[in-house]
Amino acid sequence: MPDTNVVLRYFLRDDPEQFAQSETFFEKVRNGRARVIFLEGVLVECLYVLTKHYKVTRSEAAQALVGLLQYKGVTNPDRTVLTDGLQRFGAGNLDPVDCFLLARSRGDGLQIFSFDKELNKAAAKIEQL
């Protein structure tokens, strides 16, 4: 399982040695020669660091991670939910955790309980579908 720093070095290419190692690793994942699972927390942290520290747009950060989830060696059983959460983040203004809550709520048919008005408004739209 890759941690946040491995994913960031792969995307940012800001440390030549670490980029080379992460590129070798993810090339194996892309071709299915290595299997990985991405933890939701790693994806959330990547989104936060990319958008807040490196000023990558929400859309670009989400698209990059969605692309990574499509690699052959990614074995997440919740890949569809993670992809949905990333796409919601890229298209909206909710924080990453709220986007994953919405995606999981929709995917698992569960209701969200929150005091966050924006999250509740977004959840109500899903329930109407």
Protein backbone atom coordinates (compact mmCIF):
# COMPACT_ATOMS: atom_id res chain seq x y z
CA MET A 1 0.00 0.00 0.00
CA PRO A 2 1.57 3.29 -1.03
CA ASP A 3 1.56 6.15 1.43
CA THR A 4 0.85 9.78 0.61
CA ASN A 5 4.48 10.73 0.02
CA VAL A 6 5.00 8.00 -2.58
CA VAL A 7 1.95 9.21 -4.51
CA LEU A 8 3.00 12.86 -4.23
CA ARG A 9 6.56 12.20 -5.44
CA TYR A 10 5.12 10.28 -8.40
CA PHE A 11 2.88 13.18 -9.42
CA LEU A 12 5.09 16.12 -8.51
CA ARG A 13 8.48 14.77 -9.65
CA ASP A 14 10.12 17.16 -7.20
CA ASP A 15 12.67 14.71 -5.82
CA PRO A 16 14.47 12.89 -8.66
CA GLU A 17 15.50 9.86 -6.61
CA GLN A 18 12.09 9.36 -5.00
CA PHE A 19 10.32 10.02 -8.28
CA ALA A 20 12.38 7.29 -9.97
CA GLN A 21 11.50 4.81 -7.23
CA SER A 22 7.80 5.71 -7.27
CA GLU A 23 7.71 5.60 -11.07
CA THR A 24 9.18 2.09 -11.06
CA PHE A 25 6.64 1.01 -8.45
CA PHE A 26 3.62 2.55 -10.21
CA GLU A 27 4.71 1.20 -13.60
CA LYS A 28 4.38 -2.28 -12.12
CA VAL A 29 0.96 -1.35 -10.74
CA ARG A 30 -0.11 0.12 -14.09
CA ASN A 31 0.76 -3.14 -15.86
CA GLY A 32 -0.73 -5.36 -13.16
CA ARG A 33 2.63 -6.82 -12.12
CA ALA A 34 2.12 -5.40 -8.62
CA ARG A 35 -1.11 -5.13 -6.67
CA VAL A 36 -2.06 -2.26 -4.37
CA ILE A 37 -4.92 -0.95 -2.33
CA PHE A 38 -5.29 2.79 -1.81
CA LEU A 39 -6.55 3.80 1.60
CA GLU A 40 -9.17 6.55 1.57
CA GLY A 41 -7.05 8.49 4.06
CA VAL A 42 -4.11 8.53 1.66
CA LEU A 43 -6.32 9.91 -1.11
CA VAL A 44 -7.73 12.59 1.22
CA GLU A 45 -4.24 13.62 2.32
CA CYS A 46 -3.06 13.74 -1.31
CA LEU A 47 -5.96 16.02 -2.23
CA TYR A 48 -5.25 18.29 0.70
CA VAL A 49 -1.49 18.56 0.07
CA LEU A 50 -1.85 18.99 -3.70
CA THR A 51 -4.50 21.72 -3.47
CA LYS A 52 -3.36 23.60 -0.36
CA HIS A 53 0.42 23.31 -0.44
CA TYR A 54 1.16 22.93 -4.15
CA LYS A 55 -1.84 24.97 -5.42
CA VAL A 56 -2.95 22.28 -7.87
CA THR A 57 -6.57 22.85 -8.89
CA ARG A 58 -9.20 20.61 -7.34
CA SER A 59 -10.07 19.26 -10.76
CA GLU A 60 -6.46 18.43 -11.68
CA ALA A 61 -5.76 16.76 -8.34
CA ALA A 62 -8.92 14.66 -8.56
CA GLN A 63 -8.27 13.67 -12.19
CA ALA A 64 -4.72 12.57 -11.39
CA LEU A 65 -5.89 10.33 -8.56
CA VAL A 66 -8.81 8.93 -10.58
CA GLY A 67 -6.28 8.02 -13.27
CA LEU A 68 -4.14 6.22 -10.70
CA LEU A 69 -7.15 4.19 -9.51
CA GLN A 70 -7.57 2.89 -13.07
CA TYR A 71 -4.20 1.12 -13.06
CA LYS A 72 -4.50 -2.65 -13.59
CA GLY A 73 -2.95 -3.57 -10.25
CA VAL A 74 -5.31 -1.50 -8.10
CA THR A 75 -7.45 -4.01 -6.22
CA ASN A 76 -9.68 -1.75 -4.12
CA PRO A 77 -13.12 -3.35 -3.85
CA ASP A 78 -14.46 0.19 -3.33
CA ARG A 79 -12.80 1.66 -6.43
CA THR A 80 -16.13 2.94 -7.78
CA VAL A 81 -16.90 4.74 -4.51
CA LEU A 82 -13.41 6.25 -4.35
CA THR A 83 -13.66 7.40 -7.96
CA ASP A 84 -17.06 8.97 -7.23
CA GLY A 85 -15.66 10.78 -4.19
CA LEU A 86 -12.69 12.11 -6.15
CA GLN A 87 -14.93 13.29 -8.98
CA ARG A 88 -17.21 15.07 -6.49
CA PHE A 89 -14.17 16.81 -5.01
CA GLY A 90 -12.95 17.89 -8.44
CA ALA A 91 -16.33 19.29 -9.46
CA GLY A 92 -17.46 20.89 -6.21
CA ASN A 93 -16.43 22.86 -3.17
CA LEU A 94 -16.89 20.36 -0.33
CA ASP A 95 -13.87 19.07 1.54
CA PRO A 96 -12.49 15.66 0.56
CA VAL A 97 -13.93 13.76 3.53
CA ASP A 98 -17.43 15.10 2.79
CA CYS A 99 -17.05 14.05 -0.85
CA PHE A 100 -16.14 10.51 0.19
CA LEU A 101 -19.04 10.45 2.67
CA LEU A 102 -21.42 11.38 -0.15
CA ALA A 103 -19.94 8.78 -2.47
CA ARG A 104 -20.08 6.04 0.16
CA SER A 105 -23.61 7.04 1.15
CA ARG A 106 -24.73 6.73 -2.45
CA GLY A 107 -22.80 3.53 -3.13
CA ASP A 108 -23.91 1.77 0.05
CA GLY A 109 -27.41 3.26 0.28
CA LEU A 110 -26.71 4.79 3.69
CA GLN A 111 -28.00 8.08 5.05
CA ILE A 112 -25.57 10.77 6.21
CA PHE A 113 -26.05 12.33 9.65
CA SER A 114 -24.27 15.68 9.91
CA PHE A 115 -24.53 19.19 11.34
CA ASP A 116 -22.80 20.55 8.21
CA LYS A 117 -25.46 22.41 6.20
CA GLU A 118 -23.60 22.17 2.88
CA LEU A 119 -23.05 18.45 3.29
CA ASN A 120 -26.71 17.92 4.22
CA LYS A 121 -27.80 19.90 1.15
CA ALA A 122 -25.59 17.77 -1.10
CA ALA A 123 -26.82 14.58 0.59
CA ALA A 124 -30.45 15.62 0.06
CA LYS A 125 -29.79 15.93 -3.68
CA ILE A 126 -28.46 12.37 -3.74
CA GLU A 127 -31.48 11.05 -1.85
CA GLN A 128 -33.78 12.62 -4.47
CA LEU A 129 -32.15 10.63 -7.27
